[in-house]
């Protein structure tokens, strides 16, 4: 049931809720691959959201926010 709630949270963009419910599922079953996958997806979505917010600020400050492997 926890993973179903986490899936709904992911689908609706509530990544914090998804993290919470995945962690609850992992308490019950620490070996759950599905819980670990959904937890990873939630953390990735949070990271991507943070990057989208940060890029305009970097541009205003004149800072390159490109990954190191893309810099000259």
C-alpha atoms as a PDB file:
ATOM      1  CA  UNK A   1       0.000   0.000   0.000  1.00  0.00           C
ATOM      2  CA  UNK A   2       2.850   2.437   0.798  1.00  0.00           C
ATOM      3  CA  UNK A   3       4.245   2.035  -2.699  1.00  0.00           C
ATOM      4  CA  UNK A   4       0.874   2.777  -4.279  1.00  0.00           C
ATOM      5  CA  UNK A   5       0.706   6.020  -2.324  1.00  0.00           C
ATOM      6  CA  UNK A   6       4.291   6.805  -3.374  1.00  0.00           C
ATOM      7  CA  UNK A   7       3.356   6.187  -7.021  1.00  0.00           C
ATOM      8  CA  UNK A   8       0.441   8.627  -6.768  1.00  0.00           C
ATOM      9  CA  UNK A   9       2.733  11.190  -5.151  1.00  0.00           C
ATOM     10  CA  UNK A  10       5.231  10.821  -7.995  1.00  0.00           C
ATOM     11  CA  UNK A  11       2.511  11.098 -10.624  1.00  0.00           C
ATOM     12  CA  UNK A  12       1.192  14.302  -9.054  1.00  0.00           C
ATOM     13  CA  UNK A  13       4.599  15.897  -8.512  1.00  0.00           C
ATOM     14  CA  UNK A  14       4.625  15.539  -4.734  1.00  0.00           C
ATOM     15  CA  UNK A  15       8.166  14.234  -4.520  1.00  0.00           C
ATOM     16  CA  UNK A  16       8.494  14.840  -0.786  1.00  0.00           C
ATOM     17  CA  UNK A  17       5.500  12.602  -0.173  1.00  0.00           C
ATOM     18  CA  UNK A  18       6.930   9.971  -2.498  1.00  0.00           C
ATOM     19  CA  UNK A  19      10.196   9.964  -0.543  1.00  0.00           C
ATOM     20  CA  UNK A  20       8.295   9.610   2.731  1.00  0.00           C
ATOM     21  CA  UNK A  21       6.161   6.674   1.581  1.00  0.00           C
ATOM     22  CA  UNK A  22       9.056   4.874  -0.091  1.00  0.00           C
ATOM     23  CA  UNK A  23      11.056   5.125   3.112  1.00  0.00           C
ATOM     24  CA  UNK A  24       8.091   3.725   5.051  1.00  0.00           C
ATOM     25  CA  UNK A  25       7.892   0.825   2.577  1.00  0.00           C
ATOM     26  CA  UNK A  26      11.606   0.149   3.038  1.00  0.00           C
ATOM     27  CA  UNK A  27      11.126  -0.159   6.794  1.00  0.00           C
ATOM     28  CA  UNK A  28       8.649  -2.962   6.133  1.00  0.00           C
ATOM     29  CA  UNK A  29      10.701  -4.573   3.333  1.00  0.00           C
ATOM     30  CA  UNK A  30      14.315  -3.317   3.179  1.00  0.00           C
ATOM     31  CA  UNK A  31      14.989  -5.418   0.065  1.00  0.00           C
ATOM     32  CA  UNK A  32      12.148  -3.957  -2.019  1.00  0.00           C
ATOM     33  CA  UNK A  33      13.521  -3.089  -5.423  1.00  0.00           C
ATOM     34  CA  UNK A  34      10.326  -1.255  -6.351  1.00  0.00           C
ATOM     35  CA  UNK A  35      10.604   0.974  -3.268  1.00  0.00           C
ATOM     36  CA  UNK A  36      14.244   1.746  -4.054  1.00  0.00           C
ATOM     37  CA  UNK A  37      13.410   2.540  -7.692  1.00  0.00           C
ATOM     38  CA  UNK A  38      10.571   4.886  -6.759  1.00  0.00           C
ATOM     39  CA  UNK A  39      12.736   6.505  -4.092  1.00  0.00           C
ATOM     40  CA  UNK A  40      15.452   7.110  -6.685  1.00  0.00           C
ATOM     41  CA  UNK A  41      12.895   8.587  -9.113  1.00  0.00           C
ATOM     42  CA  UNK A  42      11.623  10.936  -6.399  1.00  0.00           C
ATOM     43  CA  UNK A  43      15.127  12.132  -5.543  1.00  0.00           C
ATOM     44  CA  UNK A  44      15.931  12.601  -9.238  1.00  0.00           C
ATOM     45  CA  UNK A  45      12.783  14.665  -9.745  1.00  0.00           C
ATOM     46  CA  UNK A  46      13.723  16.849  -6.767  1.00  0.00           C
ATOM     47  CA  UNK A  47      17.213  17.358  -8.181  1.00  0.00           C
ATOM     48  CA  UNK A  48      15.904  18.269 -11.642  1.00  0.00           C
ATOM     49  CA  UNK A  49      13.489  20.760 -10.081  1.00  0.00           C
ATOM     50  CA  UNK A  50      16.322  22.360  -8.095  1.00  0.00           C
ATOM     51  CA  UNK A  51      18.457  22.646 -11.222  1.00  0.00           C
ATOM     52  CA  UNK A  52      15.613  24.351 -13.131  1.00  0.00           C
ATOM     53  CA  UNK A  53      15.343  26.905 -10.311  1.00  0.00           C
ATOM     54  CA  UNK A  54      19.098  27.429 -10.080  1.00  0.00           C
ATOM     55  CA  UNK A  55      19.979  27.934 -13.763  1.00  0.00           C
ATOM     56  CA  UNK A  56      18.413  31.415 -14.124  1.00  0.00           C
ATOM     57  CA  UNK A  57      20.202  32.561 -10.955  1.00  0.00           C
ATOM     58  CA  UNK A  58      23.517  31.324 -12.322  1.00  0.00           C
ATOM     59  CA  UNK A  59      22.927  33.231 -15.536  1.00  0.00           C
ATOM     60  CA  UNK A  60      22.158  36.442 -13.621  1.00  0.00           C
ATOM     61  CA  UNK A  61      25.340  36.047 -11.577  1.00  0.00           C
ATOM     62  CA  UNK A  62      27.413  35.242 -14.656  1.00  0.00           C
ATOM     63  CA  UNK A  63      28.300  31.795 -13.339  1.00  0.00           C
ATOM     64  CA  UNK A  64      28.507  28.758 -15.591  1.00  0.00           C
ATOM     65  CA  UNK A  65      26.239  26.032 -14.283  1.00  0.00           C
ATOM     66  CA  UNK A  66      27.138  23.561 -17.005  1.00  0.00           C
ATOM     67  CA  UNK A  67      28.508  20.241 -15.814  1.00  0.00           C
ATOM     68  CA  UNK A  68      32.297  20.015 -15.751  1.00  0.00           C
ATOM     69  CA  UNK A  69      32.353  17.571 -18.672  1.00  0.00           C
ATOM     70  CA  UNK A  70      30.575  20.143 -20.880  1.00  0.00           C
ATOM     71  CA  UNK A  71      32.933  23.042 -20.069  1.00  0.00           C
ATOM     72  CA  UNK A  72      35.743  23.942 -22.449  1.00  0.00           C
END
